[in-house]
Amino acid sequence: MGMDAKNSPLARLAHVLFEKKIRFQIVDMGAAALQGVPVVTLGTDIWVNLGSRQYMRVMNLCLQDGATMLSKTVVELKDGHLVNFLYEVHGINGFA
């Protein structure tokens, strides 16, 4: 994936999405935590700029780094961190 193995699986995932030119945003409580808000969250929600029928494109990137696919939208990374991929978010503007 082009990143040092000591980086977290979530950091590697963000890097590979960037490398593959898949636009994404970390949303929900994960985004709040990155901004320093004290929260309790069980995983990270990532909104990707792909159609829901392209979910295997993202899943394959995760599987290549040792993640376990739990459903069409959820993976467990090698460190046990859960990531939920969102393909549409209502009530806010899109990526454009």
PDB file of N, CA and C in Angstrom:
ATOM      1  N   MET A   1       0.806  -1.195   0.000  1.00  0.00           N
ATOM      2  CA  MET A   1       0.000   0.000   0.000  1.00  0.00           C
ATOM      3  C   MET A   1       0.851   1.262   0.000  1.00  0.00           C
ATOM      4  N   GLY A   2       2.160   1.119   0.118  1.00  0.00           N
ATOM      5  CA  GLY A   2       3.009   2.281   0.039  1.00  0.00           C
ATOM      6  C   GLY A   2       3.209   3.019   1.342  1.00  0.00           C
ATOM      7  N   MET A   3       2.755   2.481   2.466  1.00  0.00           N
ATOM      8  CA  MET A   3       2.960   3.138   3.746  1.00  0.00           C
ATOM      9  C   MET A   3       3.698   2.202   4.676  1.00  0.00           C
ATOM     10  N   ASP A   4       4.408   2.774   5.615  1.00  0.00           N
ATOM     11  CA  ASP A   4       5.151   2.024   6.607  1.00  0.00           C
ATOM     12  C   ASP A   4       4.194   1.138   7.411  1.00  0.00           C
ATOM     13  N   ALA A   5       4.608  -0.085   7.694  1.00  0.00           N
ATOM     14  CA  ALA A   5       3.772  -1.051   8.400  1.00  0.00           C
ATOM     15  C   ALA A   5       3.427  -0.606   9.813  1.00  0.00           C
ATOM     16  N   LYS A   6       4.197   0.332  10.393  1.00  0.00           N
ATOM     17  CA  LYS A   6       3.907   0.762  11.758  1.00  0.00           C
ATOM     18  C   LYS A   6       2.714   1.707  11.831  1.00  0.00           C
ATOM     19  N   ASN A   7       2.259   2.242  10.702  1.00  0.00           N
ATOM     20  CA  ASN A   7       1.077   3.094  10.696  1.00  0.00           C
ATOM     21  C   ASN A   7      -0.161   2.265  10.998  1.00  0.00           C
ATOM     22  N   SER A   8      -1.148   2.893  11.604  1.00  0.00           N
ATOM     23  CA  SER A   8      -2.371   2.182  11.952  1.00  0.00           C
ATOM     24  C   SER A   8      -3.093   1.723  10.692  1.00  0.00           C
ATOM     25  N   PRO A   9      -3.874   0.657  10.798  1.00  0.00           N
ATOM     26  CA  PRO A   9      -4.662   0.216   9.642  1.00  0.00           C
ATOM     27  C   PRO A   9      -5.598   1.307   9.120  1.00  0.00           C
ATOM     28  N   LEU A  10      -6.146   2.132  10.010  1.00  0.00           N
ATOM     29  CA  LEU A  10      -7.028   3.206   9.570  1.00  0.00           C
ATOM     30  C   LEU A  10      -6.248   4.254   8.781  1.00  0.00           C
ATOM     31  N   ALA A  11      -5.040   4.575   9.221  1.00  0.00           N
ATOM     32  CA  ALA A  11      -4.198   5.525   8.476  1.00  0.00           C
ATOM     33  C   ALA A  11      -3.820   4.951   7.117  1.00  0.00           C
ATOM     34  N   ARG A  12      -3.511   3.654   7.070  1.00  0.00           N
ATOM     35  CA  ARG A  12      -3.189   3.020   5.780  1.00  0.00           C
ATOM     36  C   ARG A  12      -4.392   3.041   4.851  1.00  0.00           C
ATOM     37  N   LEU A  13      -5.586   2.792   5.409  1.00  0.00           N
ATOM     38  CA  LEU A  13      -6.802   2.827   4.596  1.00  0.00           C
ATOM     39  C   LEU A  13      -7.014   4.219   4.012  1.00  0.00           C
ATOM     40  N   ALA A  14      -6.886   5.254   4.828  1.00  0.00           N
ATOM     41  CA  ALA A  14      -7.054   6.616   4.328  1.00  0.00           C
ATOM     42  C   ALA A  14      -6.033   6.910   3.230  1.00  0.00           C
ATOM     43  N   HIS A  15      -4.813   6.453   3.427  1.00  0.00           N
ATOM     44  CA  HIS A  15      -3.766   6.692   2.434  1.00  0.00           C
ATOM     45  C   HIS A  15      -4.073   5.984   1.111  1.00  0.00           C
ATOM     46  N   VAL A  16      -4.518   4.739   1.180  1.00  0.00           N
ATOM     47  CA  VAL A  16      -4.778   4.000  -0.062  1.00  0.00           C
ATOM     48  C   VAL A  16      -6.004   4.566  -0.783  1.00  0.00           C
ATOM     49  N   LEU A  17      -7.010   5.027  -0.047  1.00  0.00           N
ATOM     50  CA  LEU A  17      -8.151   5.671  -0.700  1.00  0.00           C
ATOM     51  C   LEU A  17      -7.676   6.918  -1.442  1.00  0.00           C
ATOM     52  N   PHE A  18      -6.785   7.678  -0.803  1.00  0.00           N
ATOM     53  CA  PHE A  18      -6.217   8.860  -1.445  1.00  0.00           C
ATOM     54  C   PHE A  18      -5.411   8.470  -2.678  1.00  0.00           C
ATOM     55  N   GLU A  19      -4.564   7.442  -2.553  1.00  0.00           N
ATOM     56  CA  GLU A  19      -3.750   6.985  -3.687  1.00  0.00           C
ATOM     57  C   GLU A  19      -4.608   6.542  -4.870  1.00  0.00           C
ATOM     58  N   LYS A  20      -5.735   5.890  -4.585  1.00  0.00           N
ATOM     59  CA  LYS A  20      -6.626   5.382  -5.637  1.00  0.00           C
ATOM     60  C   LYS A  20      -7.595   6.457  -6.134  1.00  0.00           C
ATOM     61  N   LYS A  21      -7.413   7.671  -5.628  1.00  0.00           N
ATOM     62  CA  LYS A  21      -8.236   8.815  -6.031  1.00  0.00           C
ATOM     63  C   LYS A  21      -9.724   8.591  -5.750  1.00  0.00           C
ATOM     64  N   ILE A  22     -10.003   7.898  -4.649  1.00  0.00           N
ATOM     65  CA  ILE A  22     -11.378   7.717  -4.188  1.00  0.00           C
ATOM     66  C   ILE A  22     -11.627   8.802  -3.137  1.00  0.00           C
ATOM     67  N   ARG A  23     -12.468   9.754  -3.495  1.00  0.00           N
ATOM     68  CA  ARG A  23     -12.743  10.839  -2.555  1.00  0.00           C
ATOM     69  C   ARG A  23     -13.537  10.298  -1.378  1.00  0.00           C
ATOM     70  N   PHE A  24     -13.189  10.777  -0.179  1.00  0.00           N
ATOM     71  CA  PHE A  24     -13.855  10.292   1.021  1.00  0.00           C
ATOM     72  C   PHE A  24     -13.841  11.366   2.094  1.00  0.00           C
ATOM     73  N   GLN A  25     -14.733  11.202   3.053  1.00  0.00           N
ATOM     74  CA  GLN A  25     -14.780  12.062   4.230  1.00  0.00           C
ATOM     75  C   GLN A  25     -15.048  11.188   5.435  1.00  0.00           C
ATOM     76  N   ILE A  26     -14.374  11.472   6.516  1.00  0.00           N
ATOM     77  CA  ILE A  26     -14.694  10.805   7.776  1.00  0.00           C
ATOM     78  C   ILE A  26     -15.835  11.597   8.390  1.00  0.00           C
ATOM     79  N   VAL A  27     -16.916  10.911   8.708  1.00  0.00           N
ATOM     80  CA  VAL A  27     -18.131  11.576   9.184  1.00  0.00           C
ATOM     81  C   VAL A  27     -18.549  11.005  10.530  1.00  0.00           C
ATOM     82  N   ASP A  28     -19.571  11.596  11.105  1.00  0.00           N
ATOM     83  CA  ASP A  28     -20.183  11.147  12.337  1.00  0.00           C
ATOM     84  C   ASP A  28     -19.246  11.376  13.514  1.00  0.00           C
ATOM     85  N   MET A  29     -19.262  10.518  14.500  1.00  0.00           N
ATOM     86  CA  MET A  29     -18.474  10.705  15.714  1.00  0.00           C
ATOM     87  C   MET A  29     -16.975  10.591  15.447  1.00  0.00           C
ATOM     88  N   GLY A  30     -16.587   9.831  14.439  1.00  0.00           N
ATOM     89  CA  GLY A  30     -15.171   9.731  14.090  1.00  0.00           C
ATOM     90  C   GLY A  30     -14.611  11.077  13.678  1.00  0.00           C
ATOM     91  N   ALA A  31     -15.397  11.848  12.946  1.00  0.00           N
ATOM     92  CA  ALA A  31     -14.971  13.193  12.545  1.00  0.00           C
ATOM     93  C   ALA A  31     -14.862  14.097  13.761  1.00  0.00           C
ATOM     94  N   ALA A  32     -15.809  13.979  14.675  1.00  0.00           N
ATOM     95  CA  ALA A  32     -15.760  14.793  15.897  1.00  0.00           C
ATOM     96  C   ALA A  32     -14.516  14.448  16.716  1.00  0.00           C
ATOM     97  N   ALA A  33     -14.199  13.166  16.817  1.00  0.00           N
ATOM     98  CA  ALA A  33     -13.018  12.745  17.581  1.00  0.00           C
ATOM     99  C   ALA A  33     -11.738  13.302  16.966  1.00  0.00           C
ATOM    100  N   LEU A  34     -11.653  13.319  15.636  1.00  0.00           N
ATOM    101  CA  LEU A  34     -10.476  13.866  14.970  1.00  0.00           C
ATOM    102  C   LEU A  34     -10.314  15.363  15.230  1.00  0.00           C
ATOM    103  N   GLN A  35     -11.421  16.024  15.561  1.00  0.00           N
ATOM    104  CA  GLN A  35     -11.367  17.454  15.860  1.00  0.00           C
ATOM    105  C   GLN A  35     -11.178  17.724  17.348  1.00  0.00           C
ATOM    106  N   GLY A  36     -10.971  16.654  18.132  1.00  0.00           N
ATOM    107  CA  GLY A  36     -10.669  16.821  19.546  1.00  0.00           C
ATOM    108  C   GLY A  36     -11.845  16.759  20.488  1.00  0.00           C
ATOM    109  N   VAL A  37     -13.021  16.457  19.986  1.00  0.00           N
ATOM    110  CA  VAL A  37     -14.193  16.348  20.844  1.00  0.00           C
ATOM    111  C   VAL A  37     -14.114  15.025  21.601  1.00  0.00           C
ATOM    112  N   PRO A  38     -14.286  15.052  22.922  1.00  0.00           N
ATOM    113  CA  PRO A  38     -14.246  13.790  23.668  1.00  0.00           C
ATOM    114  C   PRO A  38     -15.509  12.968  23.387  1.00  0.00           C
ATOM    115  N   VAL A  39     -15.356  11.842  22.747  1.00  0.00           N
ATOM    116  CA  VAL A  39     -16.486  10.996  22.372  1.00  0.00           C
ATOM    117  C   VAL A  39     -16.147   9.541  22.647  1.00  0.00           C
ATOM    118  N   VAL A  40     -17.169   8.751  22.711  1.00  0.00           N
ATOM    119  CA  VAL A  40     -17.010   7.303  22.751  1.00  0.00           C
ATOM    120  C   VAL A  40     -17.620   6.782  21.460  1.00  0.00           C
ATOM    121  N   THR A  41     -16.838   6.084  20.682  1.00  0.00           N
ATOM    122  CA  THR A  41     -17.327   5.562  19.411  1.00  0.00           C
ATOM    123  C   THR A  41     -16.780   4.163  19.214  1.00  0.00           C
ATOM    124  N   LEU A  42     -17.546   3.331  18.570  1.00  0.00           N
ATOM    125  CA  LEU A  42     -17.139   1.952  18.339  1.00  0.00           C
ATOM    126  C   LEU A  42     -16.431   1.755  17.016  1.00  0.00           C
ATOM    127  N   GLY A  43     -16.412   2.782  16.200  1.00  0.00           N
ATOM    128  CA  GLY A  43     -15.780   2.645  14.897  1.00  0.00           C
ATOM    129  C   GLY A  43     -15.745   3.974  14.182  1.00  0.00           C
ATOM    130  N   THR A  44     -15.396   3.893  12.917  1.00  0.00           N
ATOM    131  CA  THR A  44     -15.292   5.086  12.095  1.00  0.00           C
ATOM    132  C   THR A  44     -16.212   4.943  10.893  1.00  0.00           C
ATOM    133  N   ASP A  45     -16.979   5.997  10.631  1.00  0.00           N
ATOM    134  CA  ASP A  45     -17.833   6.036   9.451  1.00  0.00           C
ATOM    135  C   ASP A  45     -17.111   6.827   8.375  1.00  0.00           C
ATOM    136  N   ILE A  46     -16.954   6.222   7.194  1.00  0.00           N
ATOM    137  CA  ILE A  46     -16.296   6.885   6.084  1.00  0.00           C
ATOM    138  C   ILE A  46     -17.255   6.959   4.913  1.00  0.00           C
ATOM    139  N   TRP A  47     -17.546   8.189   4.497  1.00  0.00           N
ATOM    140  CA  TRP A  47     -18.407   8.430   3.335  1.00  0.00           C
ATOM    141  C   TRP A  47     -17.505   8.460   2.114  1.00  0.00           C
ATOM    142  N   VAL A  48     -17.745   7.547   1.184  1.00  0.00           N
ATOM    143  CA  VAL A  48     -16.936   7.477  -0.030  1.00  0.00           C
ATOM    144  C   VAL A  48     -17.755   7.969  -1.220  1.00  0.00           C
ATOM    145  N   ASN A  49     -17.074   8.595  -2.146  1.00  0.00           N
ATOM    146  CA  ASN A  49     -17.724   9.160  -3.321  1.00  0.00           C
ATOM    147  C   ASN A  49     -17.781   8.109  -4.431  1.00  0.00           C
ATOM    148  N   LEU A  50     -18.480   7.028  -4.141  1.00  0.00           N
ATOM    149  CA  LEU A  50     -18.696   5.946  -5.105  1.00  0.00           C
ATOM    150  C   LEU A  50     -20.151   5.523  -5.001  1.00  0.00           C
ATOM    151  N   GLY A  51     -20.664   4.934  -6.046  1.00  0.00           N
ATOM    152  CA  GLY A  51     -22.003   4.370  -5.979  1.00  0.00           C
ATOM    153  C   GLY A  51     -22.003   3.116  -5.107  1.00  0.00           C
ATOM    154  N   SER A  52     -23.130   2.838  -4.470  1.00  0.00           N
ATOM    155  CA  SER A  52     -23.201   1.687  -3.570  1.00  0.00           C
ATOM    156  C   SER A  52     -22.919   0.364  -4.280  1.00  0.00           C
ATOM    157  N   ARG A  53     -23.135   0.310  -5.577  1.00  0.00           N
ATOM    158  CA  ARG A  53     -22.853  -0.924  -6.317  1.00  0.00           C
ATOM    159  C   ARG A  53     -21.362  -1.149  -6.519  1.00  0.00           C
ATOM    160  N   GLN A  54     -20.558  -0.162  -6.178  1.00  0.00           N
ATOM    161  CA  GLN A  54     -19.106  -0.286  -6.300  1.00  0.00           C
ATOM    162  C   GLN A  54     -18.460  -0.632  -4.956  1.00  0.00           C
ATOM    163  N   TYR A  55     -19.261  -1.142  -4.006  1.00  0.00           N
ATOM    164  CA  TYR A  55     -18.747  -1.383  -2.663  1.00  0.00           C
ATOM    165  C   TYR A  55     -17.561  -2.337  -2.646  1.00  0.00           C
ATOM    166  N   MET A  56     -17.490  -3.292  -3.569  1.00  0.00           N
ATOM    167  CA  MET A  56     -16.368  -4.242  -3.555  1.00  0.00           C
ATOM    168  C   MET A  56     -15.043  -3.573  -3.903  1.00  0.00           C
ATOM    169  N   ARG A  57     -15.090  -2.469  -4.591  1.00  0.00           N
ATOM    170  CA  ARG A  57     -13.845  -1.743  -4.890  1.00  0.00           C
ATOM    171  C   ARG A  57     -13.169  -1.323  -3.581  1.00  0.00           C
ATOM    172  N   VAL A  58     -13.944  -0.776  -2.657  1.00  0.00           N
ATOM    173  CA  VAL A  58     -13.418  -0.360  -1.362  1.00  0.00           C
ATOM    174  C   VAL A  58     -13.123  -1.585  -0.493  1.00  0.00           C
ATOM    175  N   MET A  59     -14.011  -2.554  -0.514  1.00  0.00           N
ATOM    176  CA  MET A  59     -13.803  -3.752   0.306  1.00  0.00           C
ATOM    177  C   MET A  59     -12.516  -4.470  -0.082  1.00  0.00           C
ATOM    178  N   ASN A  60     -12.236  -4.574  -1.363  1.00  0.00           N
ATOM    179  CA  ASN A  60     -11.010  -5.247  -1.808  1.00  0.00           C
ATOM    180  C   ASN A  60      -9.763  -4.537  -1.308  1.00  0.00           C
ATOM    181  N   LEU A  61      -9.784  -3.211  -1.260  1.00  0.00           N
ATOM    182  CA  LEU A  61      -8.652  -2.471  -0.713  1.00  0.00           C
ATOM    183  C   LEU A  61      -8.442  -2.823   0.755  1.00  0.00           C
ATOM    184  N   CYS A  62      -9.533  -2.956   1.477  1.00  0.00           N
ATOM    185  CA  CYS A  62      -9.444  -3.319   2.897  1.00  0.00           C
ATOM    186  C   CYS A  62      -8.946  -4.751   3.066  1.00  0.00           C
ATOM    187  N   LEU A  63      -9.492  -5.649   2.277  1.00  0.00           N
ATOM    188  CA  LEU A  63      -9.099  -7.058   2.375  1.00  0.00           C
ATOM    189  C   LEU A  63      -7.625  -7.248   2.057  1.00  0.00           C
ATOM    190  N   GLN A  64      -7.090  -6.455   1.135  1.00  0.00           N
ATOM    191  CA  GLN A  64      -5.674  -6.548   0.787  1.00  0.00           C
ATOM    192  C   GLN A  64      -4.769  -6.179   1.957  1.00  0.00           C
ATOM    193  N   ASP A  65      -5.295  -5.412   2.905  1.00  0.00           N
ATOM    194  CA  ASP A  65      -4.512  -5.030   4.087  1.00  0.00           C
ATOM    195  C   ASP A  65      -4.866  -5.894   5.292  1.00  0.00           C
ATOM    196  N   GLY A  66      -5.580  -6.990   5.069  1.00  0.00           N
ATOM    197  CA  GLY A  66      -5.857  -7.930   6.150  1.00  0.00           C
ATOM    198  C   GLY A  66      -7.137  -7.708   6.917  1.00  0.00           C
ATOM    199  N   ALA A  67      -8.000  -6.816   6.448  1.00  0.00           N
ATOM    200  CA  ALA A  67      -9.276  -6.579   7.119  1.00  0.00           C
ATOM    201  C   ALA A  67     -10.218  -7.760   6.880  1.00  0.00           C
ATOM    202  N   THR A  68     -11.231  -7.855   7.729  1.00  0.00           N
ATOM    203  CA  THR A  68     -12.274  -8.864   7.597  1.00  0.00           C
ATOM    204  C   THR A  68     -13.568  -8.171   7.212  1.00  0.00           C
ATOM    205  N   MET A  69     -14.185  -8.626   6.143  1.00  0.00           N
ATOM    206  CA  MET A  69     -15.448  -8.050   5.688  1.00  0.00           C
ATOM    207  C   MET A  69     -16.572  -8.633   6.537  1.00  0.00           C
ATOM    208  N   LEU A  70     -17.304  -7.772   7.246  1.00  0.00           N
ATOM    209  CA  LEU A  70     -18.402  -8.214   8.103  1.00  0.00           C
ATOM    210  C   LEU A  70     -19.753  -8.088   7.417  1.00  0.00           C
ATOM    211  N   SER A  71     -19.868  -7.130   6.490  1.00  0.00           N
ATOM    212  CA  SER A  71     -21.086  -6.953   5.689  1.00  0.00           C
ATOM    213  C   SER A  71     -20.682  -6.162   4.455  1.00  0.00           C
ATOM    214  N   LYS A  72     -21.655  -5.798   3.631  1.00  0.00           N
ATOM    215  CA  LYS A  72     -21.347  -5.056   2.401  1.00  0.00           C
ATOM    216  C   LYS A  72     -20.769  -3.681   2.691  1.00  0.00           C
ATOM    217  N   THR A  73     -20.957  -3.172   3.902  1.00  0.00           N
ATOM    218  CA  THR A  73     -20.475  -1.828   4.225  1.00  0.00           C
ATOM    219  C   THR A  73     -19.542  -1.768   5.421  1.00  0.00           C
ATOM    220  N   VAL A  74     -19.307  -2.875   6.103  1.00  0.00           N
ATOM    221  CA  VAL A  74     -18.526  -2.845   7.344  1.00  0.00           C
ATOM    222  C   VAL A  74     -17.346  -3.807   7.264  1.00  0.00           C
ATOM    223  N   VAL A  75     -16.176  -3.302   7.701  1.00  0.00           N
ATOM    224  CA  VAL A  75     -14.989  -4.146   7.825  1.00  0.00           C
ATOM    225  C   VAL A  75     -14.426  -4.008   9.229  1.00  0.00           C
ATOM    226  N   GLU A  76     -13.736  -5.062   9.642  1.00  0.00           N
ATOM    227  CA  GLU A  76     -12.946  -4.996  10.867  1.00  0.00           C
ATOM    228  C   GLU A  76     -11.487  -4.983  10.436  1.00  0.00           C
ATOM    229  N   LEU A  77     -10.798  -3.893  10.770  1.00  0.00           N
ATOM    230  CA  LEU A  77      -9.396  -3.771  10.403  1.00  0.00           C
ATOM    231  C   LEU A  77      -8.550  -4.716  11.252  1.00  0.00           C
ATOM    232  N   LYS A  78      -7.298  -4.891  10.873  1.00  0.00           N
ATOM    233  CA  LYS A  78      -6.417  -5.847  11.570  1.00  0.00           C
ATOM    234  C   LYS A  78      -6.284  -5.560  13.059  1.00  0.00           C
ATOM    235  N   ASP A  79      -6.458  -4.316  13.464  1.00  0.00           N
ATOM    236  CA  ASP A  79      -6.335  -3.969  14.881  1.00  0.00           C
ATOM    237  C   ASP A  79      -7.666  -4.045  15.620  1.00  0.00           C
ATOM    238  N   GLY A  80      -8.710  -4.548  14.948  1.00  0.00           N
ATOM    239  CA  GLY A  80     -10.029  -4.690  15.567  1.00  0.00           C
ATOM    240  C   GLY A  80     -10.936  -3.488  15.386  1.00  0.00           C
ATOM    241  N   HIS A  81     -10.424  -2.416  14.807  1.00  0.00           N
ATOM    242  CA  HIS A  81     -11.213  -1.203  14.587  1.00  0.00           C
ATOM    243  C   HIS A  81     -12.270  -1.461  13.510  1.00  0.00           C
ATOM    244  N   LEU A  82     -13.503  -1.051  13.781  1.00  0.00           N
ATOM    245  CA  LEU A  82     -14.589  -1.205  12.809  1.00  0.00           C
ATOM    246  C   LEU A  82     -14.701   0.034  11.935  1.00  0.00           C
ATOM    247  N   VAL A  83     -14.904  -0.194  10.644  1.00  0.00           N
ATOM    248  CA  VAL A  83     -15.116   0.898   9.695  1.00  0.00           C
ATOM    249  C   VAL A  83     -16.399   0.605   8.932  1.00  0.00           C
ATOM    250  N   ASN A  84     -17.285   1.591   8.926  1.00  0.00           N
ATOM    251  CA  ASN A  84     -18.537   1.499   8.184  1.00  0.00           C
ATOM    252  C   ASN A  84     -18.451   2.467   7.011  1.00  0.00           C
ATOM    253  N   PHE A  85     -18.625   1.969   5.805  1.00  0.00           N
ATOM    254  CA  PHE A  85     -18.578   2.811   4.612  1.00  0.00           C
ATOM    255  C   PHE A  85     -19.983   3.248   4.244  1.00  0.00           C
ATOM    256  N   LEU A  86     -20.129   4.542   4.004  1.00  0.00           N
ATOM    257  CA  LEU A  86     -21.402   5.123   3.595  1.00  0.00           C
ATOM    258  C   LEU A  86     -21.269   5.543   2.139  1.00  0.00           C
ATOM    259  N   TYR A  87     -22.297   5.290   1.369  1.00  0.00           N
ATOM    260  CA  TYR A  87     -22.266   5.631  -0.048  1.00  0.00           C
ATOM    261  C   TYR A  87     -23.194   6.779  -0.397  1.00  0.00           C
ATOM    262  N   GLU A  88     -24.011   7.188   0.549  1.00  0.00           N
ATOM    263  CA  GLU A  88     -24.818   8.391   0.401  1.00  0.00           C
ATOM    264  C   GLU A  88     -25.167   8.896   1.798  1.00  0.00           C
ATOM    265  N   VAL A  89     -25.197  10.204   1.912  1.00  0.00           N
ATOM    266  CA  VAL A  89     -25.542  10.848   3.174  1.00  0.00           C
ATOM    267  C   VAL A  89     -26.616  11.876   2.854  1.00  0.00           C
ATOM    268  N   HIS A  90     -27.711  11.807   3.555  1.00  0.00           N
ATOM    269  CA  HIS A  90     -28.841  12.701   3.297  1.00  0.00           C
ATOM    270  C   HIS A  90     -28.748  13.940   4.177  1.00  0.00           C
ATOM    271  N   GLY A  91     -29.234  15.049   3.657  1.00  0.00           N
ATOM    272  CA  GLY A  91     -29.327  16.267   4.427  1.00  0.00           C
ATOM    273  C   GLY A  91     -28.120  17.183   4.324  1.00  0.00           C
ATOM    274  N   ILE A  92     -27.097  16.768   3.573  1.00  0.00           N
ATOM    275  CA  ILE A  92     -25.942  17.641   3.364  1.00  0.00           C
ATOM    276  C   ILE A  92     -25.569  17.609   1.880  1.00  0.00           C
ATOM    277  N   ASN A  93     -24.790  18.587   1.479  1.00  0.00           N
ATOM    278  CA  ASN A  93     -24.376  18.638   0.091  1.00  0.00           C
ATOM    279  C   ASN A  93     -23.464  17.461  -0.234  1.00  0.00           C
ATOM    280  N   GLY A  94     -23.432  17.072  -1.490  1.00  0.00           N
ATOM    281  CA  GLY A  94     -22.566  16.000  -1.937  1.00  0.00           C
ATOM    282  C   GLY A  94     -21.128  16.458  -2.074  1.00  0.00           C
ATOM    283  N   PHE A  95     -20.307  15.656  -2.674  1.00  0.00           N
ATOM    284  CA  PHE A  95     -18.895  15.961  -2.825  1.00  0.00           C
ATOM    285  C   PHE A  95     -18.654  17.142  -3.756  1.00  0.00           C
ATOM    286  N   ALA A  96     -19.547  17.356  -4.720  1.00  0.00           N
ATOM    287  CA  ALA A  96     -19.362  18.456  -5.669  1.00  0.00           C
ATOM    288  C   ALA A  96     -19.472  19.777  -4.953  1.00  0.00           C
TER     289      ALA A  96
END
